[in-house]
Every structure is written in C-alpha cells, then in structure tokens.
Amino acid sequence: MFTGKRPTDERFKEGLSLHNFVKTALPERMIEIIDPILLQERVKQGTITDITLGGNIIENDKFLQCMNSILEIGLTCSTESPSERVDMCDVVTELCSIRDQIYLTRLGGLS
C-alpha cells in the first residue's frame, strides 16, 4: 500500500520481491520507494523540498520517520517464515503509536 506496487509487479522477477525491494531501500532510499502520492502533500507544505533524498532528511522529518516505521512493520509481518513474524497485538500497538505521532505532527506539536 505504501509503495504503490503490487507483489505481482513486472519488476519483481528473478528473485526480487516486494519484500526485498523495500528491505534493500530502508532507510536510506525510502523516499525512492514510497508512492509519490503519499509525499505530495509534504512537498506542497514545503516540509520536503528535495525528494531525491539528501543526507539526514529522514532524521529531520517526523512524518518520514513514521513512514519508515510503517514500512519496517510491513517487513516484519511479511517475513518468509511465519514463526519469525511479529505478533499482531504488537503490530497494533506499534501502529497506534505511529498514528499518534502523525496526529501530533499534524497538530504542529512535532516537527
């Protein structure tokens, strides 16, 4: 959902999967894999000016930190071995925490 890609996308052949696509991009190249529609509002607000990613943009932007956390959760939920996946109760707790951080960011409480 956050990449705008389907697991059956043409690019995911010859050993590359959506899981690996995300895993190899995090965190340094996260902006390259996020669906541009999700970044559009941040660009309009001027909070992301160079979406080609330069330096510490993720460290300086709470929204991008939250996006990184969401993608990390997606990775832990989609590991090949079910026994290595995170418990859904823990996932819900983490997602609620991220939701709260995004809410506070929108209120202007965090930068």
N, C-alpha and C. Protein backbone atom coordinates (compact mmCIF):
# COMPACT_ATOMS: atom_id res chain seq x y z
N MET A 1 0.81 -1.19 0.00
CA MET A 1 0.00 0.00 0.00
C MET A 1 0.86 1.26 0.00
N PHE A 2 1.97 1.25 0.67
CA PHE A 2 2.77 2.46 0.81
C PHE A 2 3.76 2.66 -0.34
N THR A 3 3.98 1.62 -1.12
CA THR A 3 4.89 1.75 -2.26
C THR A 3 4.12 1.98 -3.56
N GLY A 4 2.85 1.65 -3.56
CA GLY A 4 2.08 1.75 -4.79
C GLY A 4 2.37 0.60 -5.75
N LYS A 5 3.08 -0.38 -5.26
CA LYS A 5 3.45 -1.54 -6.09
C LYS A 5 2.67 -2.77 -5.64
N ARG A 6 2.43 -3.66 -6.58
CA ARG A 6 1.80 -4.93 -6.27
C ARG A 6 2.88 -6.02 -6.22
N PRO A 7 2.65 -7.04 -5.40
CA PRO A 7 3.65 -8.13 -5.36
C PRO A 7 3.83 -8.81 -6.71
N THR A 8 2.85 -8.66 -7.59
CA THR A 8 2.92 -9.28 -8.92
C THR A 8 3.46 -8.34 -9.98
N ASP A 9 3.96 -7.17 -9.56
CA ASP A 9 4.52 -6.18 -10.48
C ASP A 9 5.62 -6.82 -11.33
N GLU A 10 5.72 -6.39 -12.56
CA GLU A 10 6.71 -6.94 -13.50
C GLU A 10 8.15 -6.86 -12.99
N ARG A 11 8.44 -5.85 -12.18
CA ARG A 11 9.81 -5.69 -11.70
C ARG A 11 10.20 -6.77 -10.69
N PHE A 12 9.23 -7.46 -10.13
CA PHE A 12 9.52 -8.46 -9.10
C PHE A 12 9.64 -9.85 -9.73
N LYS A 13 10.71 -10.01 -10.45
CA LYS A 13 11.05 -11.28 -11.09
C LYS A 13 12.50 -11.58 -10.79
N GLU A 14 12.91 -12.77 -11.10
CA GLU A 14 14.31 -13.19 -10.94
C GLU A 14 14.82 -12.96 -9.52
N GLY A 15 14.04 -13.37 -8.53
CA GLY A 15 14.48 -13.31 -7.14
C GLY A 15 14.15 -12.02 -6.41
N LEU A 16 13.74 -10.99 -7.13
CA LEU A 16 13.36 -9.75 -6.45
C LEU A 16 11.88 -9.82 -6.10
N SER A 17 11.58 -9.48 -4.87
CA SER A 17 10.19 -9.48 -4.39
C SER A 17 9.88 -8.11 -3.82
N LEU A 18 8.62 -7.85 -3.58
CA LEU A 18 8.23 -6.59 -2.95
C LEU A 18 8.91 -6.47 -1.59
N HIS A 19 8.97 -7.57 -0.85
CA HIS A 19 9.64 -7.58 0.45
C HIS A 19 11.10 -7.14 0.32
N ASN A 20 11.83 -7.75 -0.61
CA ASN A 20 13.24 -7.42 -0.81
C ASN A 20 13.42 -6.00 -1.35
N PHE A 21 12.51 -5.57 -2.18
CA PHE A 21 12.52 -4.21 -2.74
C PHE A 21 12.50 -3.18 -1.62
N VAL A 22 11.61 -3.40 -0.66
CA VAL A 22 11.50 -2.48 0.48
C VAL A 22 12.70 -2.64 1.41
N LYS A 23 13.05 -3.87 1.70
CA LYS A 23 14.14 -4.14 2.66
C LYS A 23 15.46 -3.50 2.21
N THR A 24 15.77 -3.58 0.94
CA THR A 24 17.04 -3.03 0.46
C THR A 24 17.02 -1.50 0.40
N ALA A 25 15.84 -0.90 0.39
CA ALA A 25 15.75 0.56 0.30
C ALA A 25 15.78 1.26 1.65
N LEU A 26 15.42 0.54 2.72
CA LEU A 26 15.30 1.20 4.02
C LEU A 26 16.64 1.30 4.73
N PRO A 27 16.86 2.37 5.44
CA PRO A 27 16.10 3.62 5.46
C PRO A 27 16.61 4.66 4.47
N GLU A 28 17.83 4.45 3.96
CA GLU A 28 18.49 5.48 3.16
C GLU A 28 17.75 5.88 1.89
N ARG A 29 17.12 4.92 1.22
CA ARG A 29 16.45 5.22 -0.05
C ARG A 29 14.93 5.12 0.06
N MET A 30 14.41 5.31 1.24
CA MET A 30 12.98 5.16 1.48
C MET A 30 12.15 6.04 0.55
N ILE A 31 12.55 7.27 0.34
CA ILE A 31 11.77 8.19 -0.49
C ILE A 31 11.64 7.66 -1.91
N GLU A 32 12.60 6.90 -2.36
CA GLU A 32 12.56 6.35 -3.72
C GLU A 32 11.48 5.29 -3.89
N ILE A 33 11.07 4.65 -2.80
CA ILE A 33 10.11 3.55 -2.93
C ILE A 33 8.71 3.90 -2.47
N ILE A 34 8.55 5.02 -1.75
CA ILE A 34 7.22 5.42 -1.29
C ILE A 34 6.41 5.93 -2.47
N ASP A 35 5.15 5.58 -2.48
CA ASP A 35 4.23 6.06 -3.50
C ASP A 35 4.27 7.59 -3.50
N PRO A 36 4.58 8.22 -4.63
CA PRO A 36 4.69 9.68 -4.68
C PRO A 36 3.43 10.43 -4.21
N ILE A 37 2.29 9.81 -4.33
CA ILE A 37 1.06 10.45 -3.87
C ILE A 37 1.11 10.69 -2.37
N LEU A 38 1.74 9.80 -1.64
CA LEU A 38 1.85 9.96 -0.19
C LEU A 38 2.77 11.12 0.19
N LEU A 39 3.70 11.45 -0.68
CA LEU A 39 4.64 12.54 -0.40
C LEU A 39 4.15 13.88 -0.93
N GLN A 40 3.17 13.84 -1.78
CA GLN A 40 2.69 15.05 -2.46
C GLN A 40 2.34 16.18 -1.50
N GLU A 41 1.60 15.89 -0.45
CA GLU A 41 1.19 16.91 0.50
C GLU A 41 2.39 17.50 1.24
N ARG A 42 3.35 16.65 1.57
CA ARG A 42 4.55 17.13 2.26
C ARG A 42 5.34 18.09 1.36
N VAL A 43 5.39 17.80 0.08
CA VAL A 43 6.09 18.68 -0.86
C VAL A 43 5.34 20.01 -0.96
N LYS A 44 4.01 19.96 -1.04
CA LYS A 44 3.20 21.18 -1.11
C LYS A 44 3.41 22.06 0.11
N GLN A 45 3.53 21.44 1.28
CA GLN A 45 3.73 22.19 2.52
C GLN A 45 5.15 22.74 2.63
N GLY A 46 6.04 22.23 1.79
CA GLY A 46 7.42 22.69 1.83
C GLY A 46 8.25 21.98 2.88
N THR A 47 7.70 20.94 3.50
CA THR A 47 8.46 20.23 4.53
C THR A 47 9.44 19.25 3.91
N ILE A 48 9.18 18.86 2.67
CA ILE A 48 10.15 18.07 1.91
C ILE A 48 10.42 18.87 0.65
N THR A 49 11.63 19.37 0.53
CA THR A 49 11.94 20.19 -0.63
C THR A 49 12.73 19.42 -1.67
N ASP A 50 13.53 18.48 -1.23
CA ASP A 50 14.33 17.70 -2.16
C ASP A 50 14.01 16.23 -1.98
N ILE A 51 13.06 15.73 -2.77
CA ILE A 51 12.61 14.38 -2.56
C ILE A 51 13.54 13.35 -3.18
N THR A 52 14.66 13.83 -3.71
CA THR A 52 15.68 12.89 -4.17
C THR A 52 16.49 12.36 -3.00
N LEU A 53 16.26 12.89 -1.83
CA LEU A 53 16.87 12.45 -0.57
C LEU A 53 18.33 12.84 -0.47
N GLY A 54 18.54 13.77 0.39
CA GLY A 54 19.91 14.19 0.63
C GLY A 54 20.21 14.19 2.11
N GLY A 55 21.13 13.38 2.52
CA GLY A 55 21.60 13.41 3.88
C GLY A 55 20.60 12.92 4.90
N ASN A 56 20.30 13.78 5.87
CA ASN A 56 19.52 13.40 7.04
C ASN A 56 18.05 13.78 6.96
N ILE A 57 17.47 13.79 5.79
CA ILE A 57 16.08 14.23 5.65
C ILE A 57 15.14 13.40 6.52
N ILE A 58 15.39 12.10 6.62
CA ILE A 58 14.52 11.24 7.42
C ILE A 58 14.65 11.59 8.90
N GLU A 59 15.87 11.80 9.35
CA GLU A 59 16.09 12.13 10.76
C GLU A 59 15.43 13.44 11.15
N ASN A 60 15.26 14.35 10.19
CA ASN A 60 14.73 15.68 10.47
C ASN A 60 13.23 15.80 10.20
N ASP A 61 12.58 14.74 9.80
CA ASP A 61 11.17 14.82 9.45
C ASP A 61 10.40 13.70 10.15
N LYS A 62 9.53 14.08 11.07
CA LYS A 62 8.78 13.10 11.87
C LYS A 62 7.88 12.24 10.98
N PHE A 63 7.27 12.84 9.97
CA PHE A 63 6.41 12.09 9.06
C PHE A 63 7.19 10.98 8.37
N LEU A 64 8.38 11.29 7.87
CA LEU A 64 9.19 10.28 7.20
C LEU A 64 9.67 9.21 8.18
N GLN A 65 9.93 9.60 9.41
CA GLN A 65 10.30 8.61 10.43
C GLN A 65 9.13 7.63 10.63
N CYS A 66 7.92 8.17 10.66
CA CYS A 66 6.74 7.31 10.82
C CYS A 66 6.56 6.40 9.61
N MET A 67 6.78 6.94 8.42
CA MET A 67 6.68 6.11 7.21
C MET A 67 7.70 4.98 7.25
N ASN A 68 8.90 5.29 7.69
CA ASN A 68 9.94 4.27 7.80
C ASN A 68 9.50 3.19 8.79
N SER A 69 8.93 3.60 9.91
CA SER A 69 8.47 2.63 10.92
C SER A 69 7.36 1.74 10.35
N ILE A 70 6.45 2.33 9.59
CA ILE A 70 5.37 1.54 8.98
C ILE A 70 5.93 0.52 8.00
N LEU A 71 6.88 0.94 7.19
CA LEU A 71 7.50 0.01 6.24
C LEU A 71 8.26 -1.10 6.96
N GLU A 72 8.91 -0.76 8.07
CA GLU A 72 9.61 -1.78 8.87
C GLU A 72 8.61 -2.80 9.42
N ILE A 73 7.47 -2.31 9.88
CA ILE A 73 6.43 -3.23 10.37
C ILE A 73 5.99 -4.15 9.25
N GLY A 74 5.79 -3.59 8.07
CA GLY A 74 5.41 -4.40 6.91
C GLY A 74 6.43 -5.50 6.63
N LEU A 75 7.69 -5.17 6.79
CA LEU A 75 8.74 -6.18 6.58
C LEU A 75 8.66 -7.29 7.60
N THR A 76 8.46 -6.92 8.88
CA THR A 76 8.41 -7.95 9.91
C THR A 76 7.15 -8.81 9.79
N CYS A 77 6.10 -8.25 9.21
CA CYS A 77 4.86 -9.02 9.03
C CYS A 77 4.92 -9.92 7.80
N SER A 78 5.88 -9.68 6.94
CA SER A 78 5.91 -10.43 5.68
C SER A 78 7.16 -11.28 5.52
N THR A 79 7.83 -11.58 6.63
CA THR A 79 8.98 -12.47 6.52
C THR A 79 8.51 -13.83 6.03
N GLU A 80 9.38 -14.53 5.38
CA GLU A 80 9.01 -15.81 4.76
C GLU A 80 8.53 -16.83 5.79
N SER A 81 9.21 -16.87 6.92
CA SER A 81 8.86 -17.85 7.95
C SER A 81 7.82 -17.26 8.91
N PRO A 82 6.64 -17.87 8.98
CA PRO A 82 5.61 -17.36 9.89
C PRO A 82 6.06 -17.28 11.35
N SER A 83 6.94 -18.16 11.75
CA SER A 83 7.40 -18.15 13.15
C SER A 83 8.25 -16.91 13.46
N GLU A 84 8.79 -16.26 12.44
CA GLU A 84 9.60 -15.07 12.64
C GLU A 84 8.79 -13.78 12.57
N ARG A 85 7.52 -13.89 12.26
CA ARG A 85 6.67 -12.71 12.14
C ARG A 85 6.27 -12.18 13.51
N VAL A 86 6.02 -10.88 13.56
CA VAL A 86 5.65 -10.21 14.80
C VAL A 86 4.21 -10.57 15.16
N ASP A 87 3.94 -10.66 16.44
CA ASP A 87 2.59 -10.91 16.93
C ASP A 87 1.69 -9.72 16.57
N MET A 88 0.48 -9.99 16.13
CA MET A 88 -0.43 -8.94 15.67
C MET A 88 -0.79 -7.94 16.78
N CYS A 89 -0.80 -8.37 18.02
CA CYS A 89 -1.06 -7.44 19.13
C CYS A 89 0.05 -6.39 19.19
N ASP A 90 1.30 -6.83 18.97
CA ASP A 90 2.42 -5.90 18.96
C ASP A 90 2.35 -4.96 17.76
N VAL A 91 1.91 -5.48 16.63
CA VAL A 91 1.76 -4.66 15.43
C VAL A 91 0.73 -3.56 15.67
N VAL A 92 -0.40 -3.92 16.25
CA VAL A 92 -1.44 -2.93 16.53
C VAL A 92 -0.91 -1.86 17.47
N THR A 93 -0.18 -2.25 18.49
CA THR A 93 0.39 -1.29 19.44
C THR A 93 1.33 -0.32 18.72
N GLU A 94 2.20 -0.87 17.87
CA GLU A 94 3.14 -0.03 17.13
C GLU A 94 2.43 0.91 16.17
N LEU A 95 1.43 0.39 15.46
CA LEU A 95 0.68 1.22 14.51
C LEU A 95 -0.08 2.34 15.22
N CYS A 96 -0.63 2.05 16.38
CA CYS A 96 -1.33 3.09 17.15
C CYS A 96 -0.35 4.17 17.60
N SER A 97 0.84 3.77 17.98
CA SER A 97 1.85 4.73 18.38
C SER A 97 2.24 5.62 17.20
N ILE A 98 2.40 5.04 16.04
CA ILE A 98 2.74 5.80 14.84
C ILE A 98 1.60 6.75 14.49
N ARG A 99 0.37 6.26 14.58
CA ARG A 99 -0.80 7.10 14.30
C ARG A 99 -0.80 8.32 15.22
N ASP A 100 -0.51 8.10 16.49
CA ASP A 100 -0.48 9.19 17.46
C ASP A 100 0.61 10.21 17.11
N GLN A 101 1.76 9.72 16.67
CA GLN A 101 2.85 10.62 16.30
C GLN A 101 2.47 11.46 15.08
N ILE A 102 1.82 10.83 14.10
CA ILE A 102 1.38 11.56 12.91
C ILE A 102 0.34 12.61 13.29
N TYR A 103 -0.57 12.24 14.16
CA TYR A 103 -1.61 13.16 14.62
C TYR A 103 -0.98 14.37 15.30
N LEU A 104 0.00 14.13 16.17
CA LEU A 104 0.67 15.23 16.85
C LEU A 104 1.44 16.10 15.86
N THR A 105 2.02 15.47 14.85
CA THR A 105 2.75 16.22 13.82
C THR A 105 1.80 17.16 13.08
N ARG A 106 0.63 16.63 12.74
CA ARG A 106 -0.36 17.46 12.02
C ARG A 106 -0.86 18.62 12.88
N LEU A 107 -0.90 18.41 14.17
CA LEU A 107 -1.33 19.48 15.08
C LEU A 107 -0.24 20.53 15.26
N GLY A 108 0.95 20.20 14.76
CA GLY A 108 2.05 21.14 14.91
C GLY A 108 2.84 20.93 16.18
N GLY A 109 2.54 19.83 16.88
CA GLY A 109 3.25 19.56 18.13
C GLY A 109 4.65 19.06 17.93
N LEU A 110 4.94 18.46 16.77
CA LEU A 110 6.27 17.94 16.49
C LEU A 110 6.69 18.40 15.12
N SER A 111 7.98 18.51 14.92
CA SER A 111 8.46 18.90 13.60
C SER A 111 9.01 17.70 12.86
